[in-house]
Protein backbone atom coordinates (compact mmCIF):
# COMPACT_ATOMS: atom_id res chain seq x y z
CA MET A 1 95.03 87.97 112.58
CA GLU A 2 97.33 85.02 113.27
CA SER A 3 99.47 84.95 116.41
CA SER A 4 101.77 82.13 115.14
CA LEU A 5 104.10 82.67 112.23
CA PRO A 6 103.82 80.52 109.11
CA GLU A 7 107.47 80.64 108.33
CA GLN A 8 109.63 81.73 111.20
CA LEU A 9 112.88 81.81 109.20
CA PHE A 10 111.73 84.76 106.99
CA LEU A 11 108.59 86.03 108.78
CA ASP A 12 110.09 86.46 112.22
CA LEU A 13 107.99 89.37 113.42
CA ARG A 14 104.54 88.69 114.97
CA VAL A 15 101.73 90.72 113.57
CA SER A 16 100.63 91.58 117.10
CA ASP A 17 104.17 93.09 117.70
CA ILE A 18 103.95 95.17 114.60
CA LEU A 19 100.47 96.46 115.49
CA ASP A 20 101.49 97.20 119.17
CA LYS A 21 103.06 100.66 118.96
CA THR A 22 104.38 100.35 122.51
CA ILE A 23 106.88 97.67 121.41
CA ARG A 24 110.06 99.36 120.07
CA LEU A 25 110.49 98.03 116.60
CA PRO A 26 111.52 99.92 113.50
CA ARG A 27 108.50 100.31 111.34
CA VAL A 28 108.41 101.94 107.83
CA GLU A 29 105.19 102.39 106.12
CA PRO A 30 103.73 101.19 103.89
CA PHE A 31 105.75 98.05 104.65
CA ALA A 32 104.53 97.53 108.16
CA SER A 33 100.88 97.47 107.11
CA GLN A 34 101.63 95.43 104.06
CA TYR A 35 103.38 92.83 106.15
CA CYS A 36 100.41 92.43 108.49
CA THR A 37 97.90 92.29 105.69
CA ALA A 38 99.93 89.92 103.54
CA ILE A 39 100.36 87.37 106.46
CA SER A 40 96.54 87.53 107.21
CA GLU A 41 95.83 86.82 103.58
CA LYS A 42 98.59 84.15 103.33
CA ARG A 43 100.45 86.04 100.60
CA TYR A 44 103.76 84.95 101.95
CA GLY A 45 105.88 86.31 99.11
CA ASP A 46 104.41 89.70 99.74
CA ALA A 47 104.92 89.29 103.41
CA ILE A 48 108.62 88.44 102.88
CA TYR A 49 109.11 91.39 100.63
CA ALA A 50 107.43 93.72 103.24
CA ARG A 51 109.36 92.14 106.08
CA TYR A 52 112.67 92.84 104.59
CA HIS A 53 111.73 96.55 103.83
CA ILE A 54 109.91 97.07 107.19
CA ASP A 55 112.99 98.55 108.92
CA GLY A 56 113.97 100.76 105.95
CA GLN A 57 117.39 99.15 105.61
CA ALA A 58 116.98 96.92 102.51
CA LYS A 59 119.13 97.91 99.56
CA ASP A 60 118.37 97.30 95.90
CA GLY A 61 115.04 95.54 96.56
CA ILE A 62 115.76 92.90 99.17
CA TYR A 63 118.48 91.51 101.38
CA THR A 64 120.76 89.07 99.55
CA ASP A 65 121.30 86.56 102.28
CA LEU A 66 117.85 84.82 102.13
CA ARG A 67 117.92 81.03 102.04
CA ASP A 68 115.19 78.39 102.16
CA ASP A 69 115.18 74.72 102.92
CA GLY A 70 112.23 74.00 100.50
CA GLY A 71 108.91 72.58 101.42
CA ASP A 72 105.37 73.70 100.78
CA SER A 73 104.99 77.46 100.88
CA GLY A 74 101.23 77.45 101.40
CA THR A 75 101.17 80.87 99.86
CA SER A 76 97.97 82.27 98.36
CA SER A 77 97.47 82.39 94.53
CA ASN A 78 96.74 86.12 95.06
CA ASP A 79 100.34 86.65 96.21
CA THR A 80 101.86 89.37 93.97
CA ARG A 81 105.50 88.47 95.00
CA ARG A 82 105.41 84.72 94.13
CA ASP A 83 108.75 85.34 92.45
CA ILE A 84 110.31 85.57 95.93
CA ILE A 85 108.83 82.19 96.94
CA GLU A 86 109.89 80.56 93.64
CA GLY A 87 113.45 81.99 93.98
CA LEU A 88 113.66 80.65 97.58
CA PHE A 89 112.62 77.21 96.31
CA LYS A 90 115.29 77.30 93.63
CA ILE A 91 117.93 78.29 96.17
CA GLY A 92 116.77 75.52 98.48
CA SER A 93 116.89 72.91 95.82
CA LYS A 94 120.60 73.57 94.87
């Protein structure tokens, strides 16, 4: 798995930190596992969705204060949450 983060604004937790149970981070399953898998498979929409559910505090689906500055997402075509990436691009283009 990657040690660097592809998009530090939204994917601010390192996979290695999530996997290391000695590091005190809130981890709610299945989102912790989904976050790690999605990053390794470059499904960044799925990773963002899991990230904002990983601590168990998201309400009504996802946090509402997400913003993006645009650019190439580099996300995989297998990403099941491409709607998140597309929404972020729309926000960034306004």
